[in-house]
C-alpha atoms as a PDB file:
ATOM      1  CA  UNK A   1     263.118 321.721  94.924  1.00  0.00           C
ATOM      2  CA  UNK A   2     261.051 319.591  97.338  1.00  0.00           C
ATOM      3  CA  UNK A   3     260.053 316.034  96.455  1.00  0.00           C
ATOM      4  CA  UNK A   4     256.312 316.748  96.702  1.00  0.00           C
ATOM      5  CA  UNK A   5     256.440 318.848  93.553  1.00  0.00           C
ATOM      6  CA  UNK A   6     258.642 316.511  91.526  1.00  0.00           C
ATOM      7  CA  UNK A   7     257.388 314.407  88.634  1.00  0.00           C
ATOM      8  CA  UNK A   8     257.755 310.800  89.824  1.00  0.00           C
ATOM      9  CA  UNK A   9     257.157 309.111  86.466  1.00  0.00           C
ATOM     10  CA  UNK A  10     260.593 307.681  85.692  1.00  0.00           C
ATOM     11  CA  UNK A  11     259.895 307.514  81.947  1.00  0.00           C
ATOM     12  CA  UNK A  12     258.856 311.146  81.737  1.00  0.00           C
ATOM     13  CA  UNK A  13     261.180 313.580  79.933  1.00  0.00           C
ATOM     14  CA  UNK A  14     260.307 316.115  82.666  1.00  0.00           C
ATOM     15  CA  UNK A  15     261.310 313.885  85.572  1.00  0.00           C
ATOM     16  CA  UNK A  16     262.450 315.825  88.550  1.00  0.00           C
ATOM     17  CA  UNK A  17     260.866 319.030  87.325  1.00  0.00           C
ATOM     18  CA  UNK A  18     257.694 320.645  88.636  1.00  0.00           C
ATOM     19  CA  UNK A  19     254.666 319.956  86.500  1.00  0.00           C
ATOM     20  CA  UNK A  20     252.794 322.942  85.144  1.00  0.00           C
ATOM     21  CA  UNK A  21     249.467 321.791  86.579  1.00  0.00           C
ATOM     22  CA  UNK A  22     250.722 321.638  90.155  1.00  0.00           C
ATOM     23  CA  UNK A  23     251.294 324.746  92.176  1.00  0.00           C
ATOM     24  CA  UNK A  24     252.560 324.951  95.696  1.00  0.00           C
ATOM     25  CA  UNK A  25     249.885 326.030  98.135  1.00  0.00           C
ATOM     26  CA  UNK A  26     250.774 326.526 101.796  1.00  0.00           C
ATOM     27  CA  UNK A  27     248.526 324.528 104.106  1.00  0.00           C
ATOM     28  CA  UNK A  28     247.862 325.743 107.578  1.00  0.00           C
ATOM     29  CA  UNK A  29     248.159 322.766 109.991  1.00  0.00           C
ATOM     30  CA  UNK A  30     245.414 324.068 112.248  1.00  0.00           C
ATOM     31  CA  UNK A  31     242.960 324.496 109.366  1.00  0.00           C
ATOM     32  CA  UNK A  32     243.742 321.022 108.007  1.00  0.00           C
ATOM     33  CA  UNK A  33     243.304 319.376 111.421  1.00  0.00           C
ATOM     34  CA  UNK A  34     239.923 320.947 112.050  1.00  0.00           C
ATOM     35  CA  UNK A  35     236.928 319.519 110.338  1.00  0.00           C
ATOM     36  CA  UNK A  36     233.631 321.304 110.135  1.00  0.00           C
ATOM     37  CA  UNK A  37     231.732 320.906 113.397  1.00  0.00           C
ATOM     38  CA  UNK A  38     228.701 318.684 113.406  1.00  0.00           C
ATOM     39  CA  UNK A  39     225.597 320.785 113.280  1.00  0.00           C
ATOM     40  CA  UNK A  40     223.790 320.989 116.568  1.00  0.00           C
ATOM     41  CA  UNK A  41     226.939 321.116 118.730  1.00  0.00           C
ATOM     42  CA  UNK A  42     227.847 324.192 120.579  1.00  0.00           C
ATOM     43  CA  UNK A  43     231.407 325.391 120.651  1.00  0.00           C
ATOM     44  CA  UNK A  44     231.758 324.253 124.271  1.00  0.00           C
ATOM     45  CA  UNK A  45     230.468 320.745 123.466  1.00  0.00           C
ATOM     46  CA  UNK A  46     232.829 320.481 120.523  1.00  0.00           C
ATOM     47  CA  UNK A  47     235.759 321.551 122.700  1.00  0.00           C
ATOM     48  CA  UNK A  48     234.765 319.014 125.364  1.00  0.00           C
ATOM     49  CA  UNK A  49     234.579 316.180 122.765  1.00  0.00           C
ATOM     50  CA  UNK A  50     237.985 317.148 121.362  1.00  0.00           C
ATOM     51  CA  UNK A  51     239.485 317.073 124.859  1.00  0.00           C
ATOM     52  CA  UNK A  52     237.939 313.645 125.510  1.00  0.00           C
ATOM     53  CA  UNK A  53     239.243 312.376 122.148  1.00  0.00           C
ATOM     54  CA  UNK A  54     242.745 313.569 123.012  1.00  0.00           C
ATOM     55  CA  UNK A  55     242.522 311.886 126.421  1.00  0.00           C
ATOM     56  CA  UNK A  56     241.342 308.552 124.913  1.00  0.00           C
ATOM     57  CA  UNK A  57     244.103 308.641 122.282  1.00  0.00           C
ATOM     58  CA  UNK A  58     246.689 309.226 125.026  1.00  0.00           C
ATOM     59  CA  UNK A  59     245.265 306.302 127.020  1.00  0.00           C
ATOM     60  CA  UNK A  60     245.533 304.075 123.935  1.00  0.00           C
ATOM     61  CA  UNK A  61     249.194 305.017 123.538  1.00  0.00           C
ATOM     62  CA  UNK A  62     249.797 304.306 127.237  1.00  0.00           C
ATOM     63  CA  UNK A  63     248.031 300.928 127.027  1.00  0.00           C
ATOM     64  CA  UNK A  64     250.120 299.965 123.989  1.00  0.00           C
ATOM     65  CA  UNK A  65     253.273 300.816 125.911  1.00  0.00           C
ATOM     66  CA  UNK A  66     252.104 298.802 128.931  1.00  0.00           C
ATOM     67  CA  UNK A  67     251.204 295.852 126.687  1.00  0.00           C
ATOM     68  CA  UNK A  68     254.629 295.979 125.013  1.00  0.00           C
ATOM     69  CA  UNK A  69     256.316 296.018 128.423  1.00  0.00           C
ATOM     70  CA  UNK A  70     254.195 293.065 129.598  1.00  0.00           C
ATOM     71  CA  UNK A  71     255.044 291.107 126.430  1.00  0.00           C
ATOM     72  CA  UNK A  72     258.762 291.754 126.979  1.00  0.00           C
ATOM     73  CA  UNK A  73     258.449 290.619 130.604  1.00  0.00           C
ATOM     74  CA  UNK A  74     256.534 287.517 129.521  1.00  0.00           C
ATOM     75  CA  UNK A  75     259.254 286.712 126.987  1.00  0.00           C
ATOM     76  CA  UNK A  76     261.941 287.075 129.647  1.00  0.00           C
ATOM     77  CA  UNK A  77     260.053 284.762 132.017  1.00  0.00           C
ATOM     78  CA  UNK A  78     259.610 282.163 129.273  1.00  0.00           C
ATOM     79  CA  UNK A  79     263.312 282.365 128.435  1.00  0.00           C
ATOM     80  CA  UNK A  80     264.272 281.925 132.100  1.00  0.00           C
ATOM     81  CA  UNK A  81     261.943 278.920 132.399  1.00  0.00           C
ATOM     82  CA  UNK A  82     263.362 277.387 129.225  1.00  0.00           C
ATOM     83  CA  UNK A  83     260.096 277.603 127.332  1.00  0.00           C
ATOM     84  CA  UNK A  84     260.594 278.133 123.637  1.00  0.00           C
ATOM     85  CA  UNK A  85     258.358 279.830 121.134  1.00  0.00           C
ATOM     86  CA  UNK A  86     257.393 276.350 119.934  1.00  0.00           C
ATOM     87  CA  UNK A  87     256.064 275.514 123.399  1.00  0.00           C
ATOM     88  CA  UNK A  88     253.949 278.663 123.344  1.00  0.00           C
ATOM     89  CA  UNK A  89     252.663 277.796 119.903  1.00  0.00           C
ATOM     90  CA  UNK A  90     251.763 274.282 121.066  1.00  0.00           C
ATOM     91  CA  UNK A  91     249.902 275.715 124.046  1.00  0.00           C
ATOM     92  CA  UNK A  92     248.048 278.186 121.849  1.00  0.00           C
ATOM     93  CA  UNK A  93     247.069 275.449 119.392  1.00  0.00           C
ATOM     94  CA  UNK A  94     245.944 273.210 122.243  1.00  0.00           C
ATOM     95  CA  UNK A  95     243.860 275.971 123.735  1.00  0.00           C
ATOM     96  CA  UNK A  96     242.378 276.838 120.328  1.00  0.00           C
ATOM     97  CA  UNK A  97     241.535 273.193 119.585  1.00  0.00           C
ATOM     98  CA  UNK A  98     239.875 272.901 122.992  1.00  0.00           C
ATOM     99  CA  UNK A  99     237.855 276.050 122.275  1.00  0.00           C
ATOM    100  CA  UNK A 100     236.761 274.582 118.933  1.00  0.00           C
ATOM    101  CA  UNK A 101     235.743 271.293 120.565  1.00  0.00           C
ATOM    102  CA  UNK A 102     233.543 272.979 123.145  1.00  0.00           C
ATOM    103  CA  UNK A 103     231.868 275.226 120.562  1.00  0.00           C
ATOM    104  CA  UNK A 104     228.241 274.541 119.666  1.00  0.00           C
ATOM    105  CA  UNK A 105     228.998 274.304 115.944  1.00  0.00           C
ATOM    106  CA  UNK A 106     231.586 271.568 116.523  1.00  0.00           C
ATOM    107  CA  UNK A 107     229.219 269.621 118.797  1.00  0.00           C
ATOM    108  CA  UNK A 108     226.367 269.808 116.266  1.00  0.00           C
ATOM    109  CA  UNK A 109     228.675 268.732 113.434  1.00  0.00           C
ATOM    110  CA  UNK A 110     230.006 265.858 115.512  1.00  0.00           C
ATOM    111  CA  UNK A 111     226.475 264.695 116.358  1.00  0.00           C
ATOM    112  CA  UNK A 112     225.396 264.900 112.711  1.00  0.00           C
ATOM    113  CA  UNK A 113     228.426 262.928 111.519  1.00  0.00           C
ATOM    114  CA  UNK A 114     227.889 260.345 114.247  1.00  0.00           C
ATOM    115  CA  UNK A 115     224.266 259.871 113.198  1.00  0.00           C
ATOM    116  CA  UNK A 116     225.275 259.618 109.543  1.00  0.00           C
ATOM    117  CA  UNK A 117     227.899 257.000 110.445  1.00  0.00           C
ATOM    118  CA  UNK A 118     225.359 254.965 112.387  1.00  0.00           C
ATOM    119  CA  UNK A 119     222.871 255.077 109.495  1.00  0.00           C
ATOM    120  CA  UNK A 120     225.570 254.104 107.003  1.00  0.00           C
ATOM    121  CA  UNK A 121     226.681 251.230 109.229  1.00  0.00           C
ATOM    122  CA  UNK A 122     223.098 249.987 109.561  1.00  0.00           C
ATOM    123  CA  UNK A 123     222.567 250.214 105.786  1.00  0.00           C
ATOM    124  CA  UNK A 124     225.790 248.302 105.051  1.00  0.00           C
ATOM    125  CA  UNK A 125     224.883 245.658 107.628  1.00  0.00           C
ATOM    126  CA  UNK A 126     221.428 245.210 106.079  1.00  0.00           C
ATOM    127  CA  UNK A 127     222.958 245.009 102.609  1.00  0.00           C
ATOM    128  CA  UNK A 128     225.553 242.474 103.794  1.00  0.00           C
ATOM    129  CA  UNK A 129     222.929 240.196 105.349  1.00  0.00           C
ATOM    130  CA  UNK A 130     220.773 240.472 102.199  1.00  0.00           C
ATOM    131  CA  UNK A 131     223.747 239.435 100.037  1.00  0.00           C
ATOM    132  CA  UNK A 132     224.562 236.562 102.421  1.00  0.00           C
ATOM    133  CA  UNK A 133     220.948 235.392 102.326  1.00  0.00           C
ATOM    134  CA  UNK A 134     220.867 235.536  98.489  1.00  0.00           C
ATOM    135  CA  UNK A 135     224.157 233.620  98.236  1.00  0.00           C
ATOM    136  CA  UNK A 136     222.779 230.997 100.642  1.00  0.00           C
ATOM    137  CA  UNK A 137     219.588 230.703  98.586  1.00  0.00           C
ATOM    138  CA  UNK A 138     221.644 230.404  95.416  1.00  0.00           C
ATOM    139  CA  UNK A 139     223.856 227.739  96.967  1.00  0.00           C
ATOM    140  CA  UNK A 140     220.819 225.694  97.899  1.00  0.00           C
ATOM    141  CA  UNK A 141     219.351 225.936  94.371  1.00  0.00           C
ATOM    142  CA  UNK A 142     219.270 222.929  92.053  1.00  0.00           C
ATOM    143  CA  UNK A 143     221.359 224.673  89.400  1.00  0.00           C
ATOM    144  CA  UNK A 144     224.177 225.444  91.826  1.00  0.00           C
ATOM    145  CA  UNK A 145     224.122 221.894  93.260  1.00  0.00           C
ATOM    146  CA  UNK A 146     224.352 220.469  89.731  1.00  0.00           C
ATOM    147  CA  UNK A 147     227.283 222.767  88.931  1.00  0.00           C
ATOM    148  CA  UNK A 148     228.940 221.881  92.245  1.00  0.00           C
ATOM    149  CA  UNK A 149     228.583 218.169  91.475  1.00  0.00           C
ATOM    150  CA  UNK A 150     230.130 218.615  88.024  1.00  0.00           C
ATOM    151  CA  UNK A 151     233.060 220.607  89.389  1.00  0.00           C
ATOM    152  CA  UNK A 152     233.577 217.959  92.061  1.00  0.00           C
ATOM    153  CA  UNK A 153     233.553 215.219  89.422  1.00  0.00           C
ATOM    154  CA  UNK A 154     236.043 217.067  87.233  1.00  0.00           C
ATOM    155  CA  UNK A 155     238.281 217.654  90.221  1.00  0.00           C
ATOM    156  CA  UNK A 156     238.139 214.014  91.210  1.00  0.00           C
ATOM    157  CA  UNK A 157     238.825 212.831  87.665  1.00  0.00           C
ATOM    158  CA  UNK A 158     241.745 215.202  87.155  1.00  0.00           C
ATOM    159  CA  UNK A 159     243.172 214.233  90.513  1.00  0.00           C
ATOM    160  CA  UNK A 160     242.837 210.548  89.640  1.00  0.00           C
ATOM    161  CA  UNK A 161     244.327 211.090  86.193  1.00  0.00           C
ATOM    162  CA  UNK A 162     247.293 213.061  87.460  1.00  0.00           C
ATOM    163  CA  UNK A 163     248.096 210.857  90.446  1.00  0.00           C
ATOM    164  CA  UNK A 164     247.091 207.489  89.060  1.00  0.00           C
ATOM    165  CA  UNK A 165     248.631 207.853  85.618  1.00  0.00           C
ATOM    166  CA  UNK A 166     251.886 209.360  86.821  1.00  0.00           C
ATOM    167  CA  UNK A 167     252.659 206.803  89.449  1.00  0.00           C
ATOM    168  CA  UNK A 168     255.522 205.638  87.280  1.00  0.00           C
ATOM    169  CA  UNK A 169     254.344 202.017  86.979  1.00  0.00           C
ATOM    170  CA  UNK A 170     255.115 200.308  83.681  1.00  0.00           C
ATOM    171  CA  UNK A 171     251.456 199.519  83.123  1.00  0.00           C
ATOM    172  CA  UNK A 172     250.346 203.160  83.422  1.00  0.00           C
ATOM    173  CA  UNK A 173     251.339 205.230  80.410  1.00  0.00           C
ATOM    174  CA  UNK A 174     252.711 208.707  80.951  1.00  0.00           C
ATOM    175  CA  UNK A 175     250.577 211.204  79.092  1.00  0.00           C
ATOM    176  CA  UNK A 176     251.122 214.892  78.583  1.00  0.00           C
ATOM    177  CA  UNK A 177     249.097 216.990  81.088  1.00  0.00           C
ATOM    178  CA  UNK A 178     246.686 218.333  78.482  1.00  0.00           C
ATOM    179  CA  UNK A 179     245.755 214.778  77.402  1.00  0.00           C
ATOM    180  CA  UNK A 180     245.000 213.658  80.940  1.00  0.00           C
ATOM    181  CA  UNK A 181     242.830 216.690  81.712  1.00  0.00           C
ATOM    182  CA  UNK A 182     240.822 216.205  78.518  1.00  0.00           C
ATOM    183  CA  UNK A 183     240.200 212.509  79.150  1.00  0.00           C
ATOM    184  CA  UNK A 184     236.833 211.601  80.700  1.00  0.00           C
ATOM    185  CA  UNK A 185     237.004 210.155  84.169  1.00  0.00           C
ATOM    186  CA  UNK A 186     237.720 206.407  84.184  1.00  0.00           C
ATOM    187  CA  UNK A 187     238.918 206.251  80.594  1.00  0.00           C
ATOM    188  CA  UNK A 188     242.423 206.990  79.535  1.00  0.00           C
ATOM    189  CA  UNK A 189     243.123 207.975  75.927  1.00  0.00           C
ATOM    190  CA  UNK A 190     244.910 205.408  73.816  1.00  0.00           C
ATOM    191  CA  UNK A 191     248.549 205.812  73.200  1.00  0.00           C
ATOM    192  CA  UNK A 192     249.466 206.936  69.745  1.00  0.00           C
END
């Protein structure tokens, strides 16, 4: 029994047996190879086209064989020169990257990104100078100067309280740090 007529379903109870719906029909190779001729072609034209098709198919086979021989020869030359497959891959990638870089699409994308970067840089620069100007205006305002004066006074007082009161002299009492910081400048809290 030939395998073409066997039931290939492995779960079938009839596996390996011919199915009833299939019958063996002999197929003539010449009839199967020929397709109906295109209308409008004479028998001579059809024969000429078939001969040309056969010739082209033979040339394709020959070219494939030549290409395979050239690839083998190329591989041998690379091996003799000590070039590895990795070297070839690096060269191919280099060549491909170069081809991408010289393509019009890459150049247009690069120009667009460059312009976008320049515009972004200009916008950030403008924003930075605007913020600097606003901070300068704020620093010159009366409110900020008043706050700066108060912070300076507090700093001076705390510095005086911490250095002056902790000098270790018998006349200067040692106070806990939180008492010194809370004391107004120039006045020390009384000792309890």
